[in-house]
Amino acid sequence: MLHSFAAPRLRQSLLAAADEVVLLVPAAPGSTPTSPPALADRVEVHTYGSPLEAVALARKLHREAPLDAAFSVWEGAVETAALITEALGLPGCTPEAARAARDKSLASACFRRAGVPHPRSWTFDATAPGAGVEVLGQCVDGRMVVKIPRSTNSQSVMLVRTRSELEAAMSVIRQLYRAEASDNRLADLYAPTDDTAMVLAQEYVSGAELNIDLLLSENSHVVLGVFEKHPAAGPTFGEVHSVHPVSLSPADVGRAVDVAVQAARALGATRGAAHIELRVGDRGPVVIEGALRPGGFLTPLAVERLTGLDPLAALARLMVEGTLPEVPPVSADRACLYGAVNVERPGRVVCITGEEAARELPGVLLLDVIKKPGDVLVTLPEGTDYHIAAFLVEGESRSAVEATAERIRGVLKAELEEVV
């Protein structure tokens, strides 16, 4: 398993499905990779400095004690895991599939070739004179979404409708491409190899937005969960919350699932997880983005609360044994919502209040205040540090969990000061 840190819950899930776990964690920038002591009798931890170092390390470990599977549930290591998979001859997606899933412009081409419903898309260089003006003129209703193809966590994703909005968006994207890792913790995910600043532009698609999580074997699949995102109409598209049940009919959900599976296969999915985001409106299901990993944030916890199935343990069993789990149906009187408390402007945290009151609200299963005094918050589109807390809520109806989510946001507040 490759992950950004030795998360306790991740280790617990893996140990429920595997005899032994080797956890590969990237070393901090500028540090020397080391081998920390094992975190448990059955967990061995190593750090690595680059993808090639990770592959060399995996080869060495494989010679000492053969590995049955290598994979990542973290976006930043999906490509490295695929390189290891190929090097060791293990089941899982190829490096080409991993690259297609990580680079939204490559994914768009995959969807187009496979006939997967997808917004009309273009690529261009943000440093070129008049970048994107011609493309904006081709959008039927005058709305276009622009993004860095390899960005994640909604960073750089912006809605533009006018030439002035387009120029402002291009300025942001050029700045992001020039950012150093010390200023932008995700900069290494899309570091340019030349002087260009590539942009993916997509025609805006309206409709309810779904997150669909899948596990796939070579010839079959199961649906772990279907969640509906809180509506986002721009100009940025921050994560607010996702909820089950969704507002669509069973027939519409079924069609969306079919398209999600087509999208995962179009990316090159064989054995592993997929997280597909779609909008469902007048055009039917339209794939916005896809990833060959489980849903991030609190998605696995929400799936487990609804189904009783630990999706990360199920993924580990799938990768080792090739077997898909049986996913229990969700009871009609079960609703679950996972979300965040966000800030709308950048600044330094002075204090966060209302935590105890939020914890006492009905149905709150988890409330994690993830920021503390002194932390600097950078909001979208430039940054991704706009959450001050994450929460998971359970109830008997969608309206009940959404009401609790709004009450959490009403009582949990951050006082910010300007960063000089």
Protein backbone atom coordinates (compact mmCIF):
# COMPACT_ATOMS: atom_id res chain seq x y z
CA MET A 1 0.00 0.00 0.00
CA LEU A 2 1.20 3.48 -0.90
CA HIS A 3 -0.21 6.35 1.10
CA SER A 4 0.66 9.88 2.15
CA PHE A 5 0.99 8.91 5.82
CA ALA A 6 0.58 5.90 8.10
CA ALA A 7 -3.11 6.45 8.80
CA PRO A 8 -4.36 4.25 11.69
CA ARG A 9 -7.73 3.49 10.13
CA LEU A 10 -6.11 2.50 6.85
CA ARG A 11 -3.79 0.09 8.67
CA GLN A 12 -6.77 -1.40 10.50
CA SER A 13 -8.66 -1.98 7.25
CA LEU A 14 -5.67 -3.57 5.54
CA LEU A 15 -4.92 -5.86 8.47
CA ALA A 16 -8.51 -7.10 8.36
CA ALA A 17 -7.82 -8.44 4.86
CA ALA A 18 -4.10 -9.26 4.68
CA ASP A 19 -1.60 -11.29 6.68
CA GLU A 20 1.09 -8.65 6.42
CA VAL A 21 1.18 -5.07 5.13
CA VAL A 22 4.07 -3.10 3.69
CA LEU A 23 3.28 0.60 3.77
CA LEU A 24 5.27 2.89 1.47
CA VAL A 25 5.11 6.57 2.42
CA PRO A 26 6.76 9.42 0.45
CA ALA A 27 9.49 11.23 2.33
CA ALA A 28 8.99 14.92 3.01
CA PRO A 29 10.53 17.21 0.35
CA GLY A 30 14.25 17.66 0.98
CA SER A 31 14.47 14.83 3.51
CA THR A 32 16.31 11.53 3.16
CA PRO A 33 14.10 8.42 2.87
CA THR A 34 14.33 6.29 5.99
CA SER A 35 12.78 3.07 7.27
CA PRO A 36 10.77 3.79 10.43
CA PRO A 37 10.09 0.94 12.85
CA ALA A 38 7.10 -1.28 12.21
CA LEU A 39 3.82 0.17 13.48
CA ALA A 40 2.55 -3.27 14.47
CA ASP A 41 3.75 -6.85 14.29
CA ARG A 42 2.20 -7.21 10.85
CA VAL A 43 2.94 -3.75 9.42
CA GLU A 44 6.27 -2.76 7.89
CA VAL A 45 6.80 0.88 6.95
CA HIS A 46 9.26 2.37 4.45
CA THR A 47 9.69 5.80 2.92
CA TYR A 48 10.75 6.66 -0.61
CA GLY A 49 11.92 9.76 -2.40
CA SER A 50 10.74 9.31 -5.98
CA PRO A 51 8.60 6.92 -8.04
CA LEU A 52 11.71 5.16 -9.35
CA GLU A 53 13.01 4.75 -5.80
CA ALA A 54 9.63 3.30 -4.81
CA VAL A 55 9.84 0.76 -7.64
CA ALA A 56 13.40 -0.22 -6.67
CA LEU A 57 12.35 -0.57 -3.03
CA ALA A 58 9.35 -2.71 -4.00
CA ARG A 59 11.56 -4.98 -6.11
CA LYS A 60 13.89 -5.48 -3.13
CA LEU A 61 11.02 -6.23 -0.74
CA HIS A 62 9.43 -8.58 -3.28
CA ARG A 63 12.64 -10.60 -3.52
CA GLU A 64 12.78 -10.92 0.27
CA ALA A 65 9.11 -11.85 0.73
CA PRO A 66 6.84 -11.94 -2.35
CA LEU A 67 4.08 -9.35 -2.44
CA ASP A 68 0.58 -10.32 -3.59
CA ALA A 69 -0.65 -6.83 -4.49
CA ALA A 70 0.42 -3.19 -4.65
CA PHE A 71 -2.05 -0.31 -4.81
CA SER A 72 -2.87 3.16 -3.52
CA VAL A 73 -6.00 4.81 -2.20
CA TRP A 74 -4.28 8.21 -2.31
CA GLU A 75 -4.38 10.25 -5.52
CA GLY A 76 -0.73 11.26 -5.25
CA ALA A 77 0.58 7.68 -5.48
CA VAL A 78 -1.78 6.03 -7.99
CA GLU A 79 0.79 6.29 -10.79
CA THR A 80 3.64 5.07 -8.60
CA ALA A 81 1.57 2.07 -7.48
CA ALA A 82 0.88 1.22 -11.13
CA LEU A 83 4.61 1.32 -11.91
CA ILE A 84 5.20 -1.14 -9.07
CA THR A 85 2.34 -3.34 -10.25
CA GLU A 86 3.86 -3.51 -13.73
CA ALA A 87 7.41 -4.09 -12.45
CA LEU A 88 6.37 -6.99 -10.21
CA GLY A 89 3.80 -8.50 -12.58
CA LEU A 90 0.95 -8.03 -10.10
CA PRO A 91 -2.76 -7.51 -10.86
CA GLY A 92 -4.00 -3.95 -11.14
CA CYS A 93 -4.17 -1.04 -13.54
CA THR A 94 -1.35 -0.30 -15.95
CA PRO A 95 0.79 2.84 -15.77
CA GLU A 96 -1.03 4.06 -18.89
CA ALA A 97 -4.41 3.68 -17.18
CA ALA A 98 -3.11 5.40 -14.04
CA ARG A 99 -1.80 8.33 -16.10
CA ALA A 100 -5.10 8.63 -17.93
CA ALA A 101 -6.98 8.72 -14.63
CA ARG A 102 -4.64 11.33 -13.17
CA ASP A 103 -4.55 13.61 -16.22
CA LYS A 104 -8.03 14.90 -17.00
CA SER A 105 -7.10 15.79 -20.58
CA LEU A 106 -6.01 12.19 -21.22
CA ALA A 107 -9.18 10.96 -19.49
CA SER A 108 -11.28 13.18 -21.73
CA ALA A 109 -9.69 11.61 -24.80
CA CYS A 110 -10.33 8.11 -23.41
CA PHE A 111 -14.00 8.91 -22.83
CA ARG A 112 -14.39 10.38 -26.30
CA ARG A 113 -12.85 7.33 -27.99
CA ALA A 114 -15.06 4.95 -25.97
CA GLY A 115 -18.27 6.93 -26.56
CA VAL A 116 -18.71 7.72 -22.86
CA PRO A 117 -20.99 10.78 -22.37
CA HIS A 118 -18.62 13.62 -21.48
CA PRO A 119 -18.59 17.42 -21.86
CA ARG A 120 -17.04 18.87 -25.00
CA SER A 121 -13.41 19.50 -24.05
CA TRP A 122 -10.42 21.46 -25.31
CA THR A 123 -6.84 22.00 -24.19
CA PHE A 124 -4.75 25.14 -24.61
CA ASP A 125 -1.79 26.95 -23.07
CA ALA A 126 -2.62 29.62 -20.47
CA THR A 127 0.54 31.54 -21.44
CA ALA A 128 -0.61 32.04 -25.06
CA PRO A 129 -2.07 35.42 -26.09
CA GLY A 130 -5.87 35.35 -25.87
CA ALA A 131 -5.78 31.90 -24.28
CA GLY A 132 -9.20 30.24 -24.35
CA VAL A 133 -11.13 33.10 -26.00
CA GLU A 134 -11.94 31.11 -29.12
CA VAL A 135 -12.95 28.08 -27.03
CA LEU A 136 -15.29 30.13 -24.84
CA GLY A 137 -17.04 31.32 -27.99
CA GLN A 138 -17.77 27.71 -28.94
CA CYS A 139 -19.63 26.88 -25.70
CA VAL A 140 -23.34 26.73 -26.48
CA ASP A 141 -24.62 28.58 -23.42
CA GLY A 142 -21.49 30.66 -22.88
CA ARG A 143 -20.33 28.79 -19.77
CA MET A 144 -17.02 26.95 -19.56
CA VAL A 145 -15.12 25.23 -16.75
CA VAL A 146 -11.31 25.50 -16.78
CA LYS A 147 -8.82 23.50 -14.72
CA ILE A 148 -5.24 22.27 -14.57
CA PRO A 149 -5.45 18.75 -16.03
CA ARG A 150 -3.48 17.11 -13.20
CA SER A 151 -4.80 19.15 -10.27
CA THR A 152 -6.90 17.63 -7.51
CA ASN A 153 -9.15 18.62 -4.59
CA SER A 154 -11.00 21.14 -6.83
CA GLN A 155 -7.90 23.34 -6.96
CA SER A 156 -7.79 25.53 -10.11
CA VAL A 157 -11.34 24.55 -11.18
CA MET A 158 -13.22 27.71 -12.21
CA LEU A 159 -16.37 28.64 -14.10
CA VAL A 160 -15.93 31.39 -16.69
CA ARG A 161 -18.62 33.20 -18.66
CA THR A 162 -16.93 36.35 -19.91
CA ARG A 163 -13.59 37.35 -21.36
CA SER A 164 -12.63 39.18 -18.17
CA GLU A 165 -13.43 36.10 -16.05
CA LEU A 166 -11.38 34.00 -18.45
CA GLU A 167 -8.40 36.33 -18.19
CA ALA A 168 -8.60 36.24 -14.38
CA ALA A 169 -8.78 32.44 -14.41
CA MET A 170 -5.75 32.18 -16.71
CA SER A 171 -3.81 34.43 -14.33
CA VAL A 172 -4.62 32.09 -11.42
CA ILE A 173 -3.58 29.01 -13.41
CA ARG A 174 -0.28 30.59 -14.49
CA GLN A 175 0.48 31.42 -10.85
CA LEU A 176 -0.32 27.88 -9.74
CA TYR A 177 2.05 26.41 -12.30
CA ARG A 178 4.83 28.68 -11.00
CA ALA A 179 4.17 27.92 -7.31
CA GLU A 180 6.83 26.20 -5.25
CA ALA A 181 6.02 23.15 -3.13
CA SER A 182 6.58 25.27 0.00
CA ASP A 183 3.72 27.56 -1.10
CA ASN A 184 1.43 24.88 -2.52
CA ARG A 185 1.38 21.40 -1.01
CA LEU A 186 -0.05 19.92 -4.22
CA ALA A 187 2.38 21.58 -6.65
CA ASP A 188 4.32 18.39 -7.29
CA LEU A 189 1.18 16.71 -8.67
CA TYR A 190 1.18 18.95 -11.74
CA ALA A 191 4.69 20.40 -11.89
CA PRO A 192 5.32 21.55 -15.49
CA THR A 193 8.13 20.02 -17.53
CA ASP A 194 8.47 23.13 -19.72
CA ASP A 195 7.36 26.76 -19.86
CA THR A 196 3.76 26.00 -20.78
CA ALA A 197 0.74 26.14 -18.48
CA MET A 198 -1.71 23.66 -19.95
CA VAL A 199 -5.43 24.11 -19.34
CA LEU A 200 -8.32 21.73 -19.81
CA ALA A 201 -11.56 23.52 -20.70
CA GLN A 202 -14.94 21.80 -20.65
CA GLU A 203 -18.39 22.97 -21.60
CA TYR A 204 -20.43 23.45 -18.42
CA VAL A 205 -22.95 20.68 -17.73
CA SER A 206 -25.89 21.27 -15.38
CA GLY A 207 -27.76 18.72 -13.29
CA ALA A 208 -27.51 16.76 -10.06
CA GLU A 209 -23.90 15.72 -9.37
CA LEU A 210 -23.23 12.16 -8.23
CA ASN A 211 -20.21 10.38 -6.76
CA ILE A 212 -20.28 6.69 -7.68
CA ASP A 213 -17.80 4.33 -6.04
CA LEU A 214 -17.05 0.99 -7.66
CA LEU A 215 -14.92 -2.09 -7.16
CA LEU A 216 -14.00 -3.85 -10.39
CA SER A 217 -12.53 -7.22 -11.23
CA GLU A 218 -11.35 -8.03 -14.71
CA ASN A 219 -14.85 -9.11 -15.82
CA SER A 220 -17.33 -7.76 -13.27
CA HIS A 221 -18.02 -4.98 -10.78
CA VAL A 222 -19.99 -4.01 -7.68
CA VAL A 223 -21.35 -0.63 -6.59
CA LEU A 224 -20.17 0.42 -3.14
CA GLY A 225 -22.08 3.67 -2.90
CA VAL A 226 -23.91 6.43 -4.74
CA PHE A 227 -23.86 9.89 -3.15
CA GLU A 228 -25.19 13.24 -4.34
CA LYS A 229 -23.00 16.30 -3.98
CA HIS A 230 -24.21 19.57 -2.55
CA PRO A 231 -25.09 21.79 -5.55
CA ALA A 232 -22.18 23.86 -6.85
CA ALA A 233 -22.75 26.42 -9.60
CA GLY A 234 -19.36 28.17 -9.50
CA PRO A 235 -17.30 30.25 -9.78
CA THR A 236 -15.35 27.61 -7.79
CA PHE A 237 -16.42 24.10 -6.89
CA GLY A 238 -15.41 23.37 -3.32
CA GLU A 239 -16.46 20.20 -1.53
CA VAL A 240 -19.35 20.97 0.83
CA HIS A 241 -21.06 17.63 1.45
CA SER A 242 -22.23 14.42 -0.20
CA VAL A 243 -25.39 12.62 0.84
CA HIS A 244 -27.25 9.33 0.47
CA PRO A 245 -30.03 8.81 -0.62
CA VAL A 246 -29.88 10.80 -3.83
CA SER A 247 -32.72 12.80 -5.37
CA LEU A 248 -32.86 10.79 -8.63
CA SER A 249 -35.15 7.91 -9.55
CA PRO A 250 -33.83 4.32 -9.37
CA ALA A 251 -33.91 4.21 -13.18
CA ASP A 252 -31.77 7.36 -13.44
CA VAL A 253 -29.34 6.00 -10.86
CA GLY A 254 -29.10 2.74 -12.79
CA ARG A 255 -28.25 4.60 -15.98
CA ALA A 256 -25.65 6.67 -14.13
CA VAL A 257 -24.04 3.52 -12.73
CA ASP A 258 -23.86 1.99 -16.21
CA VAL A 259 -22.10 5.11 -17.53
CA ALA A 260 -19.75 5.16 -14.52
CA VAL A 261 -18.66 1.59 -15.25
CA GLN A 262 -18.15 2.46 -18.93
CA ALA A 263 -15.99 5.40 -17.84
CA ALA A 264 -13.84 3.28 -15.52
CA ARG A 265 -13.28 0.70 -18.27
CA ALA A 266 -12.51 3.46 -20.77
CA LEU A 267 -9.72 4.67 -18.49
CA GLY A 268 -8.28 1.15 -18.49
CA ALA A 269 -9.61 -0.21 -15.19
CA THR A 270 -9.01 -3.92 -14.70
CA ARG A 271 -8.84 -4.92 -11.03
CA GLY A 272 -9.25 -2.23 -8.40
CA ALA A 273 -11.38 0.72 -7.30
CA ALA A 274 -12.90 3.60 -9.24
CA HIS A 275 -14.48 6.87 -8.15
CA ILE A 276 -16.55 8.47 -10.92
CA GLU A 277 -18.20 11.89 -10.76
CA LEU A 278 -21.16 12.59 -13.05
CA ARG A 279 -23.84 15.17 -13.59
CA VAL A 280 -27.32 13.94 -14.47
CA GLY A 281 -29.60 16.40 -16.23
CA ASP A 282 -31.44 16.83 -19.51
CA ARG A 283 -28.63 15.06 -21.38
CA GLY A 284 -28.74 12.06 -19.03
CA PRO A 285 -25.59 10.99 -17.17
CA VAL A 286 -22.45 12.90 -18.21
CA VAL A 287 -19.08 11.98 -16.72
CA ILE A 288 -17.19 14.97 -15.32
CA GLU A 289 -14.13 13.21 -13.87
CA GLY A 290 -12.92 9.73 -12.98
CA ALA A 291 -10.24 8.28 -10.71
CA LEU A 292 -8.89 4.75 -10.35
CA ARG A 293 -8.92 4.77 -6.57
CA PRO A 294 -11.60 4.78 -3.85
CA GLY A 295 -13.46 7.98 -3.09
CA GLY A 296 -11.45 10.22 -0.81
CA PHE A 297 -12.25 12.21 2.32
CA LEU A 298 -14.87 10.35 4.41
CA THR A 299 -16.38 8.34 1.54
CA PRO A 300 -15.17 4.93 2.86
CA LEU A 301 -16.62 5.63 6.31
CA ALA A 302 -19.97 6.64 4.81
CA VAL A 303 -20.06 3.48 2.68
CA GLU A 304 -19.35 1.35 5.74
CA ARG A 305 -22.07 3.06 7.81
CA LEU A 306 -24.63 2.43 5.07
CA THR A 307 -23.68 -1.12 4.06
CA GLY A 308 -21.66 -2.56 6.95
CA LEU A 309 -18.87 -3.29 4.45
CA ASP A 310 -15.38 -1.84 4.94
CA PRO A 311 -14.55 -0.76 1.37
CA LEU A 312 -10.80 -0.55 1.97
CA ALA A 313 -10.64 -4.07 3.39
CA ALA A 314 -12.80 -5.24 0.47
CA LEU A 315 -10.39 -3.56 -1.95
CA ALA A 316 -7.42 -5.31 -0.34
CA ARG A 317 -9.14 -8.70 -0.66
CA LEU A 318 -10.01 -7.94 -4.27
CA MET A 319 -6.42 -7.04 -5.14
CA VAL A 320 -4.99 -10.15 -3.45
CA GLU A 321 -7.66 -12.74 -4.29
CA GLY A 322 -9.51 -11.28 -7.27
CA THR A 323 -12.89 -11.67 -5.54
CA LEU A 324 -15.57 -8.99 -5.37
CA PRO A 325 -17.57 -8.57 -2.16
CA GLU A 326 -21.30 -8.88 -1.79
CA VAL A 327 -22.54 -5.40 -0.94
CA PRO A 328 -25.63 -5.47 1.31
CA PRO A 329 -28.51 -3.26 0.16
CA VAL A 330 -29.04 -0.01 2.02
CA SER A 331 -32.19 0.15 4.12
CA ALA A 332 -34.77 2.71 2.99
CA ASP A 333 -34.72 4.39 6.41
CA ARG A 334 -30.96 5.02 6.39
CA ALA A 335 -29.41 8.31 5.40
CA CYS A 336 -25.78 9.34 5.66
CA LEU A 337 -23.96 12.58 4.89
CA TYR A 338 -20.29 13.45 4.99
CA GLY A 339 -19.10 16.99 4.63
CA ALA A 340 -16.94 19.84 5.77
CA VAL A 341 -17.10 23.23 7.44
CA ASN A 342 -15.44 25.63 5.02
CA VAL A 343 -14.17 29.18 5.14
CA GLU A 344 -14.86 31.63 2.33
CA ARG A 345 -11.77 33.81 2.59
CA PRO A 346 -8.07 33.15 3.25
CA GLY A 347 -6.42 33.99 6.54
CA ARG A 348 -4.71 32.72 9.67
CA VAL A 349 -6.82 30.91 12.27
CA VAL A 350 -7.14 32.84 15.53
CA CYS A 351 -9.58 30.42 17.15
CA ILE A 352 -12.30 27.91 16.33
CA THR A 353 -15.47 27.93 18.43
CA GLY A 354 -18.59 25.80 18.73
CA GLU A 355 -16.98 22.36 18.64
CA GLU A 356 -18.78 20.96 21.67
CA ALA A 357 -22.15 22.28 20.56
CA ALA A 358 -21.64 20.70 17.13
CA ARG A 359 -20.73 17.32 18.65
CA GLU A 360 -23.98 17.24 20.61
CA LEU A 361 -26.22 17.62 17.56
CA PRO A 362 -28.37 14.60 16.68
CA GLY A 363 -26.82 11.99 14.41
CA VAL A 364 -23.24 13.27 14.54
CA LEU A 365 -21.02 10.18 14.30
CA LEU A 366 -17.73 11.96 13.69
CA LEU A 367 -16.52 15.53 13.96
CA ASP A 368 -12.85 16.18 13.29
CA VAL A 369 -11.61 19.74 13.70
CA ILE A 370 -8.67 19.62 11.31
CA LYS A 371 -7.30 23.13 11.78
CA LYS A 372 -5.88 24.87 14.83
CA PRO A 373 -4.87 28.41 15.83
CA GLY A 374 -1.97 29.61 13.72
CA ASP A 375 -2.85 27.54 10.65
CA VAL A 376 -3.01 29.51 7.40
CA LEU A 377 -6.02 28.82 5.18
CA VAL A 378 -5.85 29.29 1.41
CA THR A 379 -9.21 29.07 -0.35
CA LEU A 380 -10.11 27.97 -3.86
CA PRO A 381 -9.12 28.30 -6.62
CA GLU A 382 -5.54 29.00 -5.50
CA GLY A 383 -5.44 26.62 -2.53
CA THR A 384 -7.18 23.62 -1.05
CA ASP A 385 -6.88 24.45 2.65
CA TYR A 386 -10.39 25.79 3.10
CA HIS A 387 -11.83 23.12 5.44
CA ILE A 388 -11.69 23.72 9.19
CA ALA A 389 -13.58 20.54 10.11
CA ALA A 390 -14.89 17.29 8.63
CA PHE A 391 -17.99 15.48 9.82
CA LEU A 392 -20.12 12.38 9.27
CA VAL A 393 -23.85 12.43 10.06
CA GLU A 394 -26.39 9.60 10.13
CA GLY A 395 -30.18 9.70 10.31
CA GLU A 396 -33.47 8.28 9.10
CA SER A 397 -33.94 10.67 6.17
CA ARG A 398 -32.01 12.89 3.83
CA SER A 399 -33.74 15.99 5.13
CA ALA A 400 -32.70 15.13 8.70
CA VAL A 401 -28.99 14.71 7.93
CA GLU A 402 -28.93 17.82 5.73
CA ALA A 403 -30.54 19.82 8.54
CA THR A 404 -27.88 18.60 10.96
CA ALA A 405 -25.13 19.52 8.50
CA GLU A 406 -26.46 23.07 8.27
CA ARG A 407 -26.62 23.31 12.06
CA ILE A 408 -23.00 22.15 12.33
CA ARG A 409 -21.94 24.90 9.94
CA GLY A 410 -24.02 27.35 11.92
CA VAL A 411 -22.30 26.72 15.26
CA LEU A 412 -18.73 25.76 14.28
CA LYS A 413 -16.91 28.92 13.29
CA ALA A 414 -13.35 30.06 12.67
CA GLU A 415 -12.10 33.54 13.54
CA LEU A 416 -9.45 34.54 11.01
CA GLU A 417 -6.86 37.29 10.80
CA GLU A 418 -5.25 38.64 7.69
CA VAL A 419 -1.88 37.12 6.77
CA VAL A 420 0.64 39.92 6.28
